[in-house]
C-alpha cells in the first residue's frame, strides 16, 4: 500500500498550537514517504462542537500551507457506514446493551469488564452499546515510541461503541474511516496511544486493514498540563502563520530554514527531515520555547 496519512481534528474550537504540531508532523511524514496527506473532520459529537469551528480550522490549515490531497471527509456524513459496522459487530455477538451508571462501574474500578450489563435493563431509556473486550494482550510497534503491549480487558474494559444518546464513539468511527480513506499510517498525539489496541481489535473484528502508527509526545504548558486543556491553548494566528509554524517545527526537533512563506518553510524543513529525528519526549513545555 502506498503511504497515505491524515490529520483528523474535532471542531470543538480554533486550531491551537498542540494541534498544529500534530498536523505539521503528519504532513512531514507523509511527504517524506512520497505519500498523500488527507484531512478528516471528526464532527460526530454535536454537543461539543463550536459553530463555524470546522471552517476556521480548515482555513487556518490552508494558511499554514497544509493543504489536503483529497476532499475533506466529514464524519457527520458517514452515519450509514458506522451503522453497518455496528450491525456487523452486534450480529456477531461482540456487542451488548448496557444501562450501567457511573456508580455501577465504580464497583469495577471505573471500567466495565464483565461482558454483559451488570445493571438491570431499563425500558424507560436507551442503552449504550459496549464491545466485549477479551483478556488478550495486543502487541504492536509504534514508529516513534517503539514496541507496545496492552491488555484489552485490563486497560480498556468493555468499551462503548454507541453512546446512550445514539452518538457514535470515536473508536468505531476512526477505524471505519481510516479504512474508507485508505489510510496506511496514522500520526497523532500520544494521548491516543491507549486507543490503538482497541482500534487494532476493532479492525480485526471488522476485517479492516491495520495502519502503521506513530504517536507524538504531547505539547505541554509550563505547568505540565496538556496544552489543549490548558489556559495557554490560545489559537494560532492564520494571518501570521510563520512564527507558530517555525515554533512547531522547532518543538518537533525539525530544522526550519528561513523562508518567505508557509509553503516555503515546509518545503525547506522537508529537505532535511527524517521521521526518526522527531521528538520522543513530552518533557519540554511550550512555555520554555
C-alpha atoms as a PDB file:
ATOM      1  CA  UNK A   1       0.000   0.000   0.000  1.00  0.00           C
ATOM      2  CA  UNK A   2       1.355   3.446  -0.889  1.00  0.00           C
ATOM      3  CA  UNK A   3       1.702   5.866   2.011  1.00  0.00           C
ATOM      4  CA  UNK A   4      -1.437   7.790   2.896  1.00  0.00           C
ATOM      5  CA  UNK A   5      -1.572   9.819   6.102  1.00  0.00           C
ATOM      6  CA  UNK A   6      -4.211  12.049   7.637  1.00  0.00           C
ATOM      7  CA  UNK A   7      -4.944  14.745  10.188  1.00  0.00           C
ATOM      8  CA  UNK A   8      -8.325  14.483  11.912  1.00  0.00           C
ATOM      9  CA  UNK A   9      -9.274  17.432  14.141  1.00  0.00           C
ATOM     10  CA  UNK A  10     -12.545  17.828  16.023  1.00  0.00           C
ATOM     11  CA  UNK A  11     -14.453  21.101  15.503  1.00  0.00           C
ATOM     12  CA  UNK A  12     -14.584  21.972  19.199  1.00  0.00           C
ATOM     13  CA  UNK A  13     -12.721  25.269  18.876  1.00  0.00           C
ATOM     14  CA  UNK A  14      -9.968  27.021  16.974  1.00  0.00           C
ATOM     15  CA  UNK A  15      -6.748  25.263  15.979  1.00  0.00           C
ATOM     16  CA  UNK A  16      -4.256  25.586  18.829  1.00  0.00           C
ATOM     17  CA  UNK A  17      -0.507  25.000  18.894  1.00  0.00           C
ATOM     18  CA  UNK A  18      -0.690  21.363  20.011  1.00  0.00           C
ATOM     19  CA  UNK A  19      -2.945  20.503  17.075  1.00  0.00           C
ATOM     20  CA  UNK A  20      -0.704  22.436  14.706  1.00  0.00           C
ATOM     21  CA  UNK A  21       2.249  20.313  15.849  1.00  0.00           C
ATOM     22  CA  UNK A  22       0.327  17.119  15.066  1.00  0.00           C
ATOM     23  CA  UNK A  23      -0.783  18.451  11.678  1.00  0.00           C
ATOM     24  CA  UNK A  24       2.743  19.508  10.703  1.00  0.00           C
ATOM     25  CA  UNK A  25       4.256  16.199  11.815  1.00  0.00           C
ATOM     26  CA  UNK A  26       1.688  14.114   9.950  1.00  0.00           C
ATOM     27  CA  UNK A  27       2.237  16.245   6.816  1.00  0.00           C
ATOM     28  CA  UNK A  28       6.033  15.913   7.032  1.00  0.00           C
ATOM     29  CA  UNK A  29       5.956  12.149   7.486  1.00  0.00           C
ATOM     30  CA  UNK A  30       3.540  11.691   4.587  1.00  0.00           C
ATOM     31  CA  UNK A  31       5.633  13.883   2.290  1.00  0.00           C
ATOM     32  CA  UNK A  32       8.869  12.184   3.402  1.00  0.00           C
ATOM     33  CA  UNK A  33       7.421   8.893   2.176  1.00  0.00           C
ATOM     34  CA  UNK A  34       6.201  10.470  -1.071  1.00  0.00           C
ATOM     35  CA  UNK A  35       2.619   9.882   0.006  1.00  0.00           C
ATOM     36  CA  UNK A  36      -0.667  11.702   0.272  1.00  0.00           C
ATOM     37  CA  UNK A  37      -1.935  13.760   3.199  1.00  0.00           C
ATOM     38  CA  UNK A  38      -5.663  13.853   3.912  1.00  0.00           C
ATOM     39  CA  UNK A  39      -7.970  15.793   6.204  1.00  0.00           C
ATOM     40  CA  UNK A  40     -10.928  14.407   8.120  1.00  0.00           C
ATOM     41  CA  UNK A  41     -13.254  16.470  10.281  1.00  0.00           C
ATOM     42  CA  UNK A  42     -14.368  14.387  13.274  1.00  0.00           C
ATOM     43  CA  UNK A  43     -17.716  16.105  13.748  1.00  0.00           C
ATOM     44  CA  UNK A  44     -19.697  13.295  15.392  1.00  0.00           C
ATOM     45  CA  UNK A  45     -20.225  14.929  18.795  1.00  0.00           C
ATOM     46  CA  UNK A  46     -22.638  17.854  18.196  1.00  0.00           C
ATOM     47  CA  UNK A  47     -22.935  18.846  21.894  1.00  0.00           C
ATOM     48  CA  UNK A  48     -19.195  19.645  21.968  1.00  0.00           C
ATOM     49  CA  UNK A  49     -18.943  21.358  18.585  1.00  0.00           C
ATOM     50  CA  UNK A  50     -18.464  25.100  18.197  1.00  0.00           C
ATOM     51  CA  UNK A  51     -20.392  26.623  15.274  1.00  0.00           C
ATOM     52  CA  UNK A  52     -18.056  27.660  12.487  1.00  0.00           C
ATOM     53  CA  UNK A  53     -15.101  25.842  14.027  1.00  0.00           C
ATOM     54  CA  UNK A  54     -14.674  23.345  11.183  1.00  0.00           C
ATOM     55  CA  UNK A  55     -14.479  26.098   8.588  1.00  0.00           C
ATOM     56  CA  UNK A  56     -11.996  28.098  10.677  1.00  0.00           C
ATOM     57  CA  UNK A  57      -9.760  25.064  11.245  1.00  0.00           C
ATOM     58  CA  UNK A  58      -9.644  24.294   7.530  1.00  0.00           C
ATOM     59  CA  UNK A  59      -8.906  27.908   6.660  1.00  0.00           C
ATOM     60  CA  UNK A  60      -6.135  28.017   9.279  1.00  0.00           C
ATOM     61  CA  UNK A  61      -4.502  24.842   7.957  1.00  0.00           C
ATOM     62  CA  UNK A  62      -4.586  26.312   4.466  1.00  0.00           C
ATOM     63  CA  UNK A  63      -2.876  29.478   5.722  1.00  0.00           C
ATOM     64  CA  UNK A  64      -0.108  27.302   7.176  1.00  0.00           C
ATOM     65  CA  UNK A  65       0.442  25.588   3.815  1.00  0.00           C
ATOM     66  CA  UNK A  66      -1.140  22.342   4.978  1.00  0.00           C
ATOM     67  CA  UNK A  67      -3.370  21.517   2.024  1.00  0.00           C
ATOM     68  CA  UNK A  68      -5.178  18.199   1.694  1.00  0.00           C
ATOM     69  CA  UNK A  69      -4.640  15.958  -1.339  1.00  0.00           C
ATOM     70  CA  UNK A  70      -8.312  14.901  -1.448  1.00  0.00           C
ATOM     71  CA  UNK A  71     -11.673  16.379  -0.476  1.00  0.00           C
ATOM     72  CA  UNK A  72     -12.158  16.748   3.283  1.00  0.00           C
ATOM     73  CA  UNK A  73     -14.172  13.888   4.791  1.00  0.00           C
ATOM     74  CA  UNK A  74     -16.793  14.984   7.330  1.00  0.00           C
ATOM     75  CA  UNK A  75     -17.739  12.206   9.717  1.00  0.00           C
ATOM     76  CA  UNK A  76     -21.217  13.695  10.101  1.00  0.00           C
ATOM     77  CA  UNK A  77     -21.924  12.348   6.590  1.00  0.00           C
ATOM     78  CA  UNK A  78     -20.888   8.800   7.438  1.00  0.00           C
ATOM     79  CA  UNK A  79     -23.723   7.553   9.638  1.00  0.00           C
ATOM     80  CA  UNK A  80     -24.671   4.704   7.272  1.00  0.00           C
ATOM     81  CA  UNK A  81     -21.123   3.328   7.321  1.00  0.00           C
ATOM     82  CA  UNK A  82     -20.984   3.376  11.127  1.00  0.00           C
ATOM     83  CA  UNK A  83     -24.425   1.774  11.330  1.00  0.00           C
ATOM     84  CA  UNK A  84     -23.307  -1.048   9.019  1.00  0.00           C
ATOM     85  CA  UNK A  85     -20.219  -1.709  11.153  1.00  0.00           C
ATOM     86  CA  UNK A  86     -22.324  -1.588  14.318  1.00  0.00           C
ATOM     87  CA  UNK A  87     -24.813  -4.128  12.937  1.00  0.00           C
ATOM     88  CA  UNK A  88     -22.000  -6.426  11.884  1.00  0.00           C
ATOM     89  CA  UNK A  89     -20.469  -6.356  15.356  1.00  0.00           C
ATOM     90  CA  UNK A  90     -23.824  -6.734  17.097  1.00  0.00           C
ATOM     91  CA  UNK A  91     -24.985  -9.634  14.927  1.00  0.00           C
ATOM     92  CA  UNK A  92     -21.685 -11.422  15.513  1.00  0.00           C
ATOM     93  CA  UNK A  93     -22.259 -11.206  19.278  1.00  0.00           C
ATOM     94  CA  UNK A  94     -19.443  -8.778  20.024  1.00  0.00           C
ATOM     95  CA  UNK A  95     -21.713  -6.059  21.454  1.00  0.00           C
ATOM     96  CA  UNK A  96     -24.152  -5.865  24.331  1.00  0.00           C
ATOM     97  CA  UNK A  97     -26.574  -3.178  25.543  1.00  0.00           C
ATOM     98  CA  UNK A  98     -25.561  -1.523  28.799  1.00  0.00           C
ATOM     99  CA  UNK A  99     -27.508   0.589  31.300  1.00  0.00           C
ATOM    100  CA  UNK A 100     -24.658   0.818  33.836  1.00  0.00           C
ATOM    101  CA  UNK A 101     -24.321   4.071  35.741  1.00  0.00           C
ATOM    102  CA  UNK A 102     -21.051   5.537  36.956  1.00  0.00           C
ATOM    103  CA  UNK A 103     -21.872   4.183  40.406  1.00  0.00           C
ATOM    104  CA  UNK A 104     -22.251   0.686  38.935  1.00  0.00           C
ATOM    105  CA  UNK A 105     -18.884   0.976  37.207  1.00  0.00           C
ATOM    106  CA  UNK A 106     -17.192   2.299  40.334  1.00  0.00           C
ATOM    107  CA  UNK A 107     -17.568  -1.185  41.801  1.00  0.00           C
ATOM    108  CA  UNK A 108     -15.337  -2.398  38.964  1.00  0.00           C
ATOM    109  CA  UNK A 109     -12.727   0.315  39.307  1.00  0.00           C
ATOM    110  CA  UNK A 110     -14.415   2.560  36.758  1.00  0.00           C
ATOM    111  CA  UNK A 111     -14.205   0.033  33.906  1.00  0.00           C
ATOM    112  CA  UNK A 112     -16.743  -2.449  32.644  1.00  0.00           C
ATOM    113  CA  UNK A 113     -15.109  -5.882  32.368  1.00  0.00           C
ATOM    114  CA  UNK A 114     -17.954  -8.408  32.644  1.00  0.00           C
ATOM    115  CA  UNK A 115     -19.009  -8.798  29.002  1.00  0.00           C
ATOM    116  CA  UNK A 116     -22.636  -8.160  29.932  1.00  0.00           C
ATOM    117  CA  UNK A 117     -24.529  -5.371  31.642  1.00  0.00           C
ATOM    118  CA  UNK A 118     -24.316  -5.552  35.420  1.00  0.00           C
ATOM    119  CA  UNK A 119     -27.346  -3.267  35.853  1.00  0.00           C
ATOM    120  CA  UNK A 120     -30.933  -4.368  35.228  1.00  0.00           C
ATOM    121  CA  UNK A 121     -32.417  -3.375  31.836  1.00  0.00           C
ATOM    122  CA  UNK A 122     -34.275  -0.074  31.947  1.00  0.00           C
ATOM    123  CA  UNK A 123     -37.037   0.106  29.309  1.00  0.00           C
ATOM    124  CA  UNK A 124     -37.534   3.811  30.038  1.00  0.00           C
ATOM    125  CA  UNK A 125     -34.233   4.855  28.492  1.00  0.00           C
ATOM    126  CA  UNK A 126     -31.981   3.670  25.660  1.00  0.00           C
ATOM    127  CA  UNK A 127     -28.792   1.764  26.465  1.00  0.00           C
ATOM    128  CA  UNK A 128     -25.245   2.384  25.449  1.00  0.00           C
ATOM    129  CA  UNK A 129     -23.697  -0.404  23.403  1.00  0.00           C
ATOM    130  CA  UNK A 130     -20.370  -1.836  24.529  1.00  0.00           C
ATOM    131  CA  UNK A 131     -17.881  -4.152  22.868  1.00  0.00           C
ATOM    132  CA  UNK A 132     -16.810  -7.201  24.841  1.00  0.00           C
ATOM    133  CA  UNK A 133     -13.070  -6.948  25.427  1.00  0.00           C
ATOM    134  CA  UNK A 134     -11.241 -10.277  25.698  1.00  0.00           C
ATOM    135  CA  UNK A 135      -8.498 -10.988  28.212  1.00  0.00           C
ATOM    136  CA  UNK A 136      -5.938 -10.531  25.482  1.00  0.00           C
ATOM    137  CA  UNK A 137      -2.777  -8.514  25.070  1.00  0.00           C
ATOM    138  CA  UNK A 138      -2.440  -6.634  21.784  1.00  0.00           C
ATOM    139  CA  UNK A 139       1.131  -6.085  20.586  1.00  0.00           C
ATOM    140  CA  UNK A 140       2.279  -3.541  18.031  1.00  0.00           C
ATOM    141  CA  UNK A 141       5.356  -1.459  17.227  1.00  0.00           C
ATOM    142  CA  UNK A 142       4.905   2.298  17.252  1.00  0.00           C
ATOM    143  CA  UNK A 143       7.078   4.008  14.635  1.00  0.00           C
ATOM    144  CA  UNK A 144       8.358   6.525  17.181  1.00  0.00           C
ATOM    145  CA  UNK A 145       7.660   5.084  20.647  1.00  0.00           C
ATOM    146  CA  UNK A 146       8.767   1.512  19.874  1.00  0.00           C
ATOM    147  CA  UNK A 147       7.206  -1.822  20.959  1.00  0.00           C
ATOM    148  CA  UNK A 148       3.863  -1.564  22.749  1.00  0.00           C
ATOM    149  CA  UNK A 149       1.620  -4.051  24.542  1.00  0.00           C
ATOM    150  CA  UNK A 150      -1.818  -3.527  26.075  1.00  0.00           C
ATOM    151  CA  UNK A 151      -4.242  -5.952  27.698  1.00  0.00           C
ATOM    152  CA  UNK A 152      -7.662  -5.010  26.390  1.00  0.00           C
ATOM    153  CA  UNK A 153      -9.667  -6.161  29.379  1.00  0.00           C
ATOM    154  CA  UNK A 154      -7.413  -4.567  31.966  1.00  0.00           C
ATOM    155  CA  UNK A 155      -6.810  -1.227  30.241  1.00  0.00           C
ATOM    156  CA  UNK A 156      -9.897  -0.624  28.090  1.00  0.00           C
ATOM    157  CA  UNK A 157     -12.541  -2.872  29.577  1.00  0.00           C
ATOM    158  CA  UNK A 158     -15.800  -3.319  27.666  1.00  0.00           C
ATOM    159  CA  UNK A 159     -15.671  -0.011  25.853  1.00  0.00           C
ATOM    160  CA  UNK A 160     -18.519   1.967  24.341  1.00  0.00           C
ATOM    161  CA  UNK A 161     -19.260   1.748  20.616  1.00  0.00           C
ATOM    162  CA  UNK A 162     -22.528   3.687  20.601  1.00  0.00           C
ATOM    163  CA  UNK A 163     -23.401   6.146  23.324  1.00  0.00           C
ATOM    164  CA  UNK A 164     -26.689   6.445  25.185  1.00  0.00           C
ATOM    165  CA  UNK A 165     -27.600   9.492  23.093  1.00  0.00           C
ATOM    166  CA  UNK A 166     -27.181   7.415  19.936  1.00  0.00           C
ATOM    167  CA  UNK A 167     -23.891   9.108  19.026  1.00  0.00           C
ATOM    168  CA  UNK A 168     -21.053   7.016  17.647  1.00  0.00           C
ATOM    169  CA  UNK A 169     -17.937   6.517  19.736  1.00  0.00           C
ATOM    170  CA  UNK A 170     -14.611   7.760  18.445  1.00  0.00           C
ATOM    171  CA  UNK A 171     -13.083   4.267  18.313  1.00  0.00           C
ATOM    172  CA  UNK A 172     -15.621   2.904  15.827  1.00  0.00           C
ATOM    173  CA  UNK A 173     -15.775   5.982  13.585  1.00  0.00           C
ATOM    174  CA  UNK A 174     -11.996   6.231  13.492  1.00  0.00           C
ATOM    175  CA  UNK A 175     -11.327   2.683  12.283  1.00  0.00           C
ATOM    176  CA  UNK A 176     -14.185   2.723   9.768  1.00  0.00           C
ATOM    177  CA  UNK A 177     -12.984   5.981   8.226  1.00  0.00           C
ATOM    178  CA  UNK A 178      -9.275   5.132   8.252  1.00  0.00           C
ATOM    179  CA  UNK A 179     -10.155   2.104   6.141  1.00  0.00           C
ATOM    180  CA  UNK A 180     -12.560   4.082   3.928  1.00  0.00           C
ATOM    181  CA  UNK A 181      -9.917   6.726   3.211  1.00  0.00           C
ATOM    182  CA  UNK A 182      -7.205   4.144   2.609  1.00  0.00           C
ATOM    183  CA  UNK A 183      -5.057   5.490   5.449  1.00  0.00           C
ATOM    184  CA  UNK A 184      -1.864   3.443   5.618  1.00  0.00           C
ATOM    185  CA  UNK A 185      -0.212   5.288   8.519  1.00  0.00           C
ATOM    186  CA  UNK A 186      -1.560   7.319  11.434  1.00  0.00           C
ATOM    187  CA  UNK A 187       0.497  10.105  13.021  1.00  0.00           C
ATOM    188  CA  UNK A 188      -1.173  11.577  16.113  1.00  0.00           C
ATOM    189  CA  UNK A 189      -0.629  12.631  19.725  1.00  0.00           C
ATOM    190  CA  UNK A 190       0.426  10.236  22.458  1.00  0.00           C
ATOM    191  CA  UNK A 191      -2.842  10.867  24.312  1.00  0.00           C
ATOM    192  CA  UNK A 192      -4.336   8.404  21.799  1.00  0.00           C
ATOM    193  CA  UNK A 193      -1.674   5.731  22.314  1.00  0.00           C
ATOM    194  CA  UNK A 194      -4.014   3.744  24.583  1.00  0.00           C
ATOM    195  CA  UNK A 195      -6.710   3.830  21.883  1.00  0.00           C
ATOM    196  CA  UNK A 196      -4.501   1.882  19.498  1.00  0.00           C
ATOM    197  CA  UNK A 197      -5.125  -1.578  20.946  1.00  0.00           C
ATOM    198  CA  UNK A 198      -8.883  -1.007  20.834  1.00  0.00           C
ATOM    199  CA  UNK A 199      -8.666   0.119  17.245  1.00  0.00           C
ATOM    200  CA  UNK A 200      -6.484  -2.801  16.195  1.00  0.00           C
ATOM    201  CA  UNK A 201      -9.005  -5.178  17.750  1.00  0.00           C
ATOM    202  CA  UNK A 202     -11.925  -3.471  16.010  1.00  0.00           C
ATOM    203  CA  UNK A 203     -10.058  -3.638  12.704  1.00  0.00           C
ATOM    204  CA  UNK A 204      -9.610  -7.362  13.249  1.00  0.00           C
ATOM    205  CA  UNK A 205     -13.292  -7.942  14.023  1.00  0.00           C
ATOM    206  CA  UNK A 206     -14.441  -5.886  11.024  1.00  0.00           C
ATOM    207  CA  UNK A 207     -11.895  -7.319   8.603  1.00  0.00           C
ATOM    208  CA  UNK A 208     -10.227  -3.932   8.075  1.00  0.00           C
ATOM    209  CA  UNK A 209      -6.511  -3.298   7.448  1.00  0.00           C
ATOM    210  CA  UNK A 210      -4.365  -2.090  10.330  1.00  0.00           C
ATOM    211  CA  UNK A 211      -2.295   1.005   9.507  1.00  0.00           C
ATOM    212  CA  UNK A 212       1.083   1.834  10.962  1.00  0.00           C
ATOM    213  CA  UNK A 213       1.040   4.130  13.986  1.00  0.00           C
ATOM    214  CA  UNK A 214       3.331   6.922  15.145  1.00  0.00           C
ATOM    215  CA  UNK A 215       2.469   8.723  18.371  1.00  0.00           C
ATOM    216  CA  UNK A 216       3.935  12.141  19.025  1.00  0.00           C
ATOM    217  CA  UNK A 217       4.720  13.419  22.520  1.00  0.00           C
ATOM    218  CA  UNK A 218       2.138  15.865  23.803  1.00  0.00           C
ATOM    219  CA  UNK A 219       2.691  19.589  23.828  1.00  0.00           C
ATOM    220  CA  UNK A 220       2.520  20.698  27.456  1.00  0.00           C
ATOM    221  CA  UNK A 221       2.189  24.081  29.063  1.00  0.00           C
ATOM    222  CA  UNK A 222       4.625  25.402  31.661  1.00  0.00           C
ATOM    223  CA  UNK A 223       2.781  23.528  34.438  1.00  0.00           C
ATOM    224  CA  UNK A 224       2.929  20.173  32.640  1.00  0.00           C
ATOM    225  CA  UNK A 225      -0.708  20.108  31.505  1.00  0.00           C
ATOM    226  CA  UNK A 226      -1.686  19.030  28.003  1.00  0.00           C
ATOM    227  CA  UNK A 227      -1.908  22.248  26.013  1.00  0.00           C
ATOM    228  CA  UNK A 228      -5.396  21.570  24.629  1.00  0.00           C
ATOM    229  CA  UNK A 229      -6.728  21.505  28.199  1.00  0.00           C
ATOM    230  CA  UNK A 230      -4.677  24.487  29.329  1.00  0.00           C
ATOM    231  CA  UNK A 231      -5.401  28.181  29.674  1.00  0.00           C
ATOM    232  CA  UNK A 232      -2.401  28.681  27.375  1.00  0.00           C
ATOM    233  CA  UNK A 233      -4.144  26.866  24.486  1.00  0.00           C
ATOM    234  CA  UNK A 234      -4.676  30.043  22.511  1.00  0.00           C
ATOM    235  CA  UNK A 235      -5.498  29.773  18.800  1.00  0.00           C
ATOM    236  CA  UNK A 236      -2.656  30.049  16.336  1.00  0.00           C
ATOM    237  CA  UNK A 237      -2.928  33.139  14.141  1.00  0.00           C
ATOM    238  CA  UNK A 238      -3.637  32.305  10.475  1.00  0.00           C
ATOM    239  CA  UNK A 239      -2.862  35.890   9.468  1.00  0.00           C
ATOM    240  CA  UNK A 240       0.702  35.492  10.803  1.00  0.00           C
ATOM    241  CA  UNK A 241       1.480  31.781  10.330  1.00  0.00           C
ATOM    242  CA  UNK A 242       5.281  31.815  10.135  1.00  0.00           C
ATOM    243  CA  UNK A 243       6.115  32.344  13.851  1.00  0.00           C
ATOM    244  CA  UNK A 244       3.875  29.497  15.018  1.00  0.00           C
ATOM    245  CA  UNK A 245       4.966  27.241  12.136  1.00  0.00           C
ATOM    246  CA  UNK A 246       8.641  27.732  12.944  1.00  0.00           C
ATOM    247  CA  UNK A 247       7.927  27.117  16.620  1.00  0.00           C
ATOM    248  CA  UNK A 248       6.041  23.913  15.790  1.00  0.00           C
ATOM    249  CA  UNK A 249       8.950  22.654  13.698  1.00  0.00           C
ATOM    250  CA  UNK A 250      11.401  23.541  16.470  1.00  0.00           C
ATOM    251  CA  UNK A 251       9.294  21.702  19.053  1.00  0.00           C
ATOM    252  CA  UNK A 252       9.300  18.615  16.816  1.00  0.00           C
ATOM    253  CA  UNK A 253      13.083  18.800  16.548  1.00  0.00           C
ATOM    254  CA  UNK A 254      12.971  19.688  12.854  1.00  0.00           C
ATOM    255  CA  UNK A 255      15.301  22.302  11.401  1.00  0.00           C
ATOM    256  CA  UNK A 256      13.334  25.184   9.918  1.00  0.00           C
ATOM    257  CA  UNK A 257      15.407  27.284   7.485  1.00  0.00           C
ATOM    258  CA  UNK A 258      14.143  30.793   6.861  1.00  0.00           C
ATOM    259  CA  UNK A 259      11.641  31.157   4.042  1.00  0.00           C
ATOM    260  CA  UNK A 260       9.271  33.860   2.895  1.00  0.00           C
ATOM    261  CA  UNK A 261       6.028  31.978   3.451  1.00  0.00           C
ATOM    262  CA  UNK A 262       4.499  28.850   4.975  1.00  0.00           C
ATOM    263  CA  UNK A 263       4.783  26.697   1.863  1.00  0.00           C
ATOM    264  CA  UNK A 264       8.455  27.597   1.511  1.00  0.00           C
ATOM    265  CA  UNK A 265       9.140  26.928   5.174  1.00  0.00           C
ATOM    266  CA  UNK A 266       7.531  23.483   4.978  1.00  0.00           C
ATOM    267  CA  UNK A 267       9.432  22.653   1.807  1.00  0.00           C
ATOM    268  CA  UNK A 268      12.726  23.730   3.398  1.00  0.00           C
ATOM    269  CA  UNK A 269      12.015  21.720   6.540  1.00  0.00           C
ATOM    270  CA  UNK A 270      11.164  18.647   4.479  1.00  0.00           C
ATOM    271  CA  UNK A 271      14.539  18.791   2.729  1.00  0.00           C
ATOM    272  CA  UNK A 272      16.433  17.548   5.780  1.00  0.00           C
ATOM    273  CA  UNK A 273      13.635  15.758   7.580  1.00  0.00           C
ATOM    274  CA  UNK A 274      13.677  12.166   8.821  1.00  0.00           C
ATOM    275  CA  UNK A 275      10.824  10.674  10.921  1.00  0.00           C
ATOM    276  CA  UNK A 276      13.348   9.042  13.260  1.00  0.00           C
ATOM    277  CA  UNK A 277      14.523  12.507  14.327  1.00  0.00           C
ATOM    278  CA  UNK A 278      11.148  13.537  15.742  1.00  0.00           C
ATOM    279  CA  UNK A 279      10.994  14.433  19.421  1.00  0.00           C
ATOM    280  CA  UNK A 280      10.037  11.439  21.582  1.00  0.00           C
ATOM    281  CA  UNK A 281       9.513  13.121  24.953  1.00  0.00           C
ATOM    282  CA  UNK A 282       6.787  15.424  26.288  1.00  0.00           C
ATOM    283  CA  UNK A 283       9.036  16.932  28.939  1.00  0.00           C
ATOM    284  CA  UNK A 284       9.583  20.278  27.205  1.00  0.00           C
ATOM    285  CA  UNK A 285       6.811  22.721  27.934  1.00  0.00           C
ATOM    286  CA  UNK A 286       5.658  25.192  25.328  1.00  0.00           C
ATOM    287  CA  UNK A 287       6.255  27.963  27.813  1.00  0.00           C
ATOM    288  CA  UNK A 288      10.015  27.299  27.760  1.00  0.00           C
ATOM    289  CA  UNK A 289      10.472  27.635  23.988  1.00  0.00           C
END
